[in-house]
Amino acid sequence: MEASRNRGFSTAWARDAFALDLRSLAAYRIALGGVLVADCLLRTRDFRLMHTATGMFTPDAVREYAGRATCWSAALLSDSDAWAAAILALEGVAGLLLAVGCVTRLATILAWVAVVSIVRRTAPATNAGDSWLACQLFWACFVPLGAVWSCDALRRGGEPGPRPQCAWSAGTAALVVQLALVYLSAGIGKCNDTWWSGAALGHALSVHDHGTHLGMALSDADRIVRPLTRLVPPFEIAGALLVLAVPMASVRGVLVTAFASFHLVIWGAMSVGLFAPIAIAAWLPLVPSAWWDRGRRVAGEGVCLGLGRGATAACAAALTLAVVGWTAALLRPATTNDRPRLPPAIEALLDLTALHQEWLMFADVRAQRQWVVSRAVLADGRVVDLVRGGAPFETAEPAGGFMSLPHHRWHKLFWVLHEPRMRCFAPGVAAGLVRAWNANHAAAEQVRSLEIRFGKRSLAPDDETLHELVVAAWPPRSVGGAGGLERLLDEASAGRRDGFPGVE
């Protein structure tokens, strides 16, 4: 009797926690479609620089960074510009099909293939939001996104019998668990002195970190920002736990509202691209039925769609794999950027499914100012900053910080390019910038030499260390030093003329 009661309680909890209203899933589908179309259009701004073989990210560098054949990308099947355009277009078309709910399952699969391919093809310029979108699309393949409010539903017409109002399966469980894993990992990662002291958010909102101009203004309001900073870790952890442990409609309604508002603030205050819309979309499946019904009882309520045995087994295995990857990432030492060590077979499966679970966003926010400048000497003798569209070169750190770069993908690229694991991209980045500039300027404005320098200044009271280093240069130095003499002479004269500090 006791065992039967426990099974009944477990089943009731699982249904409450993982059964999702079909209308909420439809809203989720429409939001995903909108995000995909927006991402496709925004990426066209840097199509040649970030997606083609002659741009900043050469195919060889991408393969070297990936390190394993299982870390696939359809974008690397051909080096032609037409193929790169086709992969990007696939994302946009799949997004449109998802938004209207036409051939929904196929559109979801194609969207997942396109997003994973693009994210890996442009690895130095992607953020956690891009990876989260890929994960969501994987689980969405196991969920009936097109059951209502879709072209697919219109084609099916009026089928006999009660109409299902929800979906309850391994797929819906995976969507909910994935959401909880992201916030639980992010919250736990922030449990450190920087966040508990109240300093982390102020630093992160600086334009010399991830902040926008609005974020920079908010960071000056210390009396407000410090208390809010201390609330962020428990807010994220509590949200993740409540999603699983207290699946009441009223609680979920509050969570959806609170986290959507949280991400809207992030969207305005931080330069993180489409991370906020992707995060808000992830909460839409949890919108309770009461929001749609407004107190009305709908015929067929309680009838749920499930999955077949094969799909259930595949989804459950993938979810187990994701939890293993999440655990490994969470246990990774905070002092290293190395990937978590897992058995090769597990790593291969995580690569193939693109289910790596590394969500320690903003866990390590340091008291520092960071910047990047690109000193380009033109044929007419002018010295300009190439990454800022040819603006006059500033010897001091740029006043606008990373916000003076074109947009967040440039920000992310130059934020990480100095890291050892990213250095394989450095020669291609410098060469790609020069190639793009020279293709659009007259002979007198052609680039003779380029150096990209990354700077970092500590803001800690007891440490005012300044670090600067050259992360990329063109023309590249050969092993014997050929090609570097002219640049070295230019450096010496520029150092005397501009007073630019030495490099580390």
Foldseek 3Di string as FASTA:
>chain_A
DVVVVVVVVVVVLLCLLQKFFLVLLLVLLLLLLVVLQVVLVVCVVCLQQQQACLHLQHLVLLCVLVVDPLLDAPSSPDRDSVSSNVLSVLSNVLSVCSNQVHVVLVSLVSNLNSLSNSCSSRVLLADVLSLLSSQLSLLVNFPCSNCPNHPVVVVVPDDDDWRAGIARELSSVLLLLLLLLLLQLQLVLQPDPCQLQQNLQLLCLPLLHFWAPVSPVVSVVSVPRSVVSNVRSVLSNVLSCCSNPPSDQVVLQVSLVVLLVVLVVCVHTGQNPCSSSSSNSSSSSSNDPCVVQVPDDDTNYPDHHYGDPVSRVVSVVVSVLLVVLSVQLSPPDPVDPDRRDDPPVSVSVCSNSSSRRNNNPSSDRAQKGKAKFKWWQFQLGATATLQLPGHHGALDGDPSHLNSGPGSSVVSNLVPLQPPSNLSSQASNASNSQVVVQVPDDRRGRTPKMWMKMWMFGPDPVGGDIAMATSHMPPDADPVRPPCPVVVVVVVVCCVVNVRDDHD
